[in-house]
Structures are given as C-alpha cells and as structure tokens.
Amino acid sequence: MKIIGYQHSNFTVKDTGAKISGYILYLSEARDGVTGVATERIFLSNNRIGNYVPNLNDNIRIYWNKYGKVDSIDLIK
C-alpha cells in the first residue's frame, strides 16, 4: 500500500485514561474489481509503528492480527 497522506494524532482512552499517540495513515492500492485505486485510513500507535516515520509515497505492507487490528508494518523498498 502507498502512503498518500498522514497525520500525527494523540488521544486519551475514555475507559482507562491511557494516552495514545501515533499516526493516521491514508493509503492507496490497486485492487481487483476497482477502477482506479482503492483507499483506506488506518491508525497506528507509536507502539505498532516503532521507529518508522511515515513519508509520502512510501510503500508499506500491513500485517493484521486475528482481531482485525493492525499488528505491524514493513517498509517496502
């Protein structure tokens, strides 16, 4: 998936009061059955994103856990 936009985000979890920091990533990819490109918006906490700092036009691979949440990402060079 290609990063077409990103935004740094901070919020507090209402139930626990935990402070979460990370990035909202706006992504695009070619997809069967779609004319043009498909787009998605995902949130990655700093815990999941590690030392990676998003850059426009980076290509990444996203790994999902069994609960449908982003587990980790790899930068594709």
C-alpha atoms as a PDB file:
ATOM      1  CA  MET A   1       0.000   0.000   0.000  1.00  0.00           C
ATOM      2  CA  LYS A   2       1.195   3.503  -0.795  1.00  0.00           C
ATOM      3  CA  ILE A   3       1.076   6.326   1.765  1.00  0.00           C
ATOM      4  CA  ILE A   4      -0.807   9.224   0.185  1.00  0.00           C
ATOM      5  CA  GLY A   5      -1.205  11.219   3.416  1.00  0.00           C
ATOM      6  CA  TYR A   6      -0.593  11.061   7.154  1.00  0.00           C
ATOM      7  CA  GLN A   7      -1.441  12.929  10.342  1.00  0.00           C
ATOM      8  CA  HIS A   8       0.078  12.718  13.824  1.00  0.00           C
ATOM      9  CA  SER A   9      -2.642  12.009  16.390  1.00  0.00           C
ATOM     10  CA  ASN A  10      -2.932  11.936  20.198  1.00  0.00           C
ATOM     11  CA  PHE A  11      -5.953  10.913  22.241  1.00  0.00           C
ATOM     12  CA  THR A  12      -6.969   9.624  25.662  1.00  0.00           C
ATOM     13  CA  VAL A  13      -8.873   6.347  26.051  1.00  0.00           C
ATOM     14  CA  LYS A  14     -12.090   7.191  27.917  1.00  0.00           C
ATOM     15  CA  ASP A  15     -12.329   3.914  29.857  1.00  0.00           C
ATOM     16  CA  THR A  16      -8.746   3.753  31.115  1.00  0.00           C
ATOM     17  CA  GLY A  17      -7.384   7.276  30.779  1.00  0.00           C
ATOM     18  CA  ALA A  18      -4.410   5.903  28.838  1.00  0.00           C
ATOM     19  CA  LYS A  19      -2.796   8.384  26.456  1.00  0.00           C
ATOM     20  CA  ILE A  20      -2.227   7.038  22.952  1.00  0.00           C
ATOM     21  CA  SER A  21      -0.002   8.665  20.351  1.00  0.00           C
ATOM     22  CA  GLY A  22       0.565   7.606  16.761  1.00  0.00           C
ATOM     23  CA  TYR A  23      -0.284   8.296  13.142  1.00  0.00           C
ATOM     24  CA  ILE A  24      -3.364   8.188  10.977  1.00  0.00           C
ATOM     25  CA  LEU A  25      -2.230   6.880   7.596  1.00  0.00           C
ATOM     26  CA  TYR A  26      -4.134   7.416   4.364  1.00  0.00           C
ATOM     27  CA  LEU A  27      -3.258   4.643   1.922  1.00  0.00           C
ATOM     28  CA  SER A  28      -3.986   3.587  -1.644  1.00  0.00           C
ATOM     29  CA  GLU A  29      -3.547   0.371  -3.620  1.00  0.00           C
ATOM     30  CA  ALA A  30      -4.648  -1.255  -6.849  1.00  0.00           C
ATOM     31  CA  ARG A  31      -7.407  -3.775  -6.103  1.00  0.00           C
ATOM     32  CA  ASP A  32      -9.290  -6.291  -8.224  1.00  0.00           C
ATOM     33  CA  GLY A  33     -12.736  -5.010  -9.206  1.00  0.00           C
ATOM     34  CA  VAL A  34     -11.842  -1.363  -8.569  1.00  0.00           C
ATOM     35  CA  THR A  35     -11.445   1.137 -11.378  1.00  0.00           C
ATOM     36  CA  GLY A  36      -8.631   3.427 -10.299  1.00  0.00           C
ATOM     37  CA  VAL A  37      -7.271   2.769  -6.810  1.00  0.00           C
ATOM     38  CA  ALA A  38      -8.833   1.725  -3.512  1.00  0.00           C
ATOM     39  CA  THR A  39      -8.128   3.829  -0.415  1.00  0.00           C
ATOM     40  CA  GLU A  40      -8.036   3.141   3.301  1.00  0.00           C
ATOM     41  CA  ARG A  41      -7.480   5.048   6.518  1.00  0.00           C
ATOM     42  CA  ILE A  42      -5.758   3.299   9.421  1.00  0.00           C
ATOM     43  CA  PHE A  43      -4.379   4.333  12.811  1.00  0.00           C
ATOM     44  CA  LEU A  44      -1.016   3.069  14.008  1.00  0.00           C
ATOM     45  CA  SER A  45       0.033   3.736  17.578  1.00  0.00           C
ATOM     46  CA  ASN A  46       3.675   4.527  18.266  1.00  0.00           C
ATOM     47  CA  ASN A  47       3.918   1.024  19.803  1.00  0.00           C
ATOM     48  CA  ARG A  48       2.964  -0.533  16.453  1.00  0.00           C
ATOM     49  CA  ILE A  49       4.858   1.823  14.175  1.00  0.00           C
ATOM     50  CA  GLY A  50       8.175   1.566  16.066  1.00  0.00           C
ATOM     51  CA  ASN A  51      10.886   3.922  14.838  1.00  0.00           C
ATOM     52  CA  TYR A  52       9.334   4.343  11.401  1.00  0.00           C
ATOM     53  CA  VAL A  53       8.316   7.902  10.484  1.00  0.00           C
ATOM     54  CA  PRO A  54       5.781   7.998   7.617  1.00  0.00           C
ATOM     55  CA  ASN A  55       6.740   9.692   4.369  1.00  0.00           C
ATOM     56  CA  LEU A  56       4.552  10.450   1.384  1.00  0.00           C
ATOM     57  CA  ASN A  57       4.777   7.816  -1.353  1.00  0.00           C
ATOM     58  CA  ASP A  58       6.339   5.162   0.920  1.00  0.00           C
ATOM     59  CA  ASN A  59       5.121   1.658   0.135  1.00  0.00           C
ATOM     60  CA  ILE A  60       4.286  -0.435   3.180  1.00  0.00           C
ATOM     61  CA  ARG A  61       2.994  -3.922   3.891  1.00  0.00           C
ATOM     62  CA  ILE A  62       0.443  -4.165   6.698  1.00  0.00           C
ATOM     63  CA  TYR A  63       0.069  -7.213   8.941  1.00  0.00           C
ATOM     64  CA  TRP A  64      -3.258  -7.700  10.728  1.00  0.00           C
ATOM     65  CA  ASN A  65      -3.881  -9.691  13.912  1.00  0.00           C
ATOM     66  CA  LYS A  66      -6.729 -12.174  14.367  1.00  0.00           C
ATOM     67  CA  TYR A  67      -8.925  -9.382  15.765  1.00  0.00           C
ATOM     68  CA  GLY A  68      -8.674  -7.304  12.566  1.00  0.00           C
ATOM     69  CA  LYS A  69      -6.338  -4.725  14.082  1.00  0.00           C
ATOM     70  CA  VAL A  70      -3.015  -3.651  12.634  1.00  0.00           C
ATOM     71  CA  ASP A  71      -0.248  -5.698  14.223  1.00  0.00           C
ATOM     72  CA  SER A  72       2.803  -4.320  12.436  1.00  0.00           C
ATOM     73  CA  ILE A  73       4.084  -2.847   9.179  1.00  0.00           C
ATOM     74  CA  ASP A  74       7.094  -3.266   6.930  1.00  0.00           C
ATOM     75  CA  LEU A  75       8.551  -0.621   4.656  1.00  0.00           C
ATOM     76  CA  ILE A  76       8.914  -1.984   1.121  1.00  0.00           C
ATOM     77  CA  LYS A  77      11.967  -0.618  -0.638  1.00  0.00           C
END
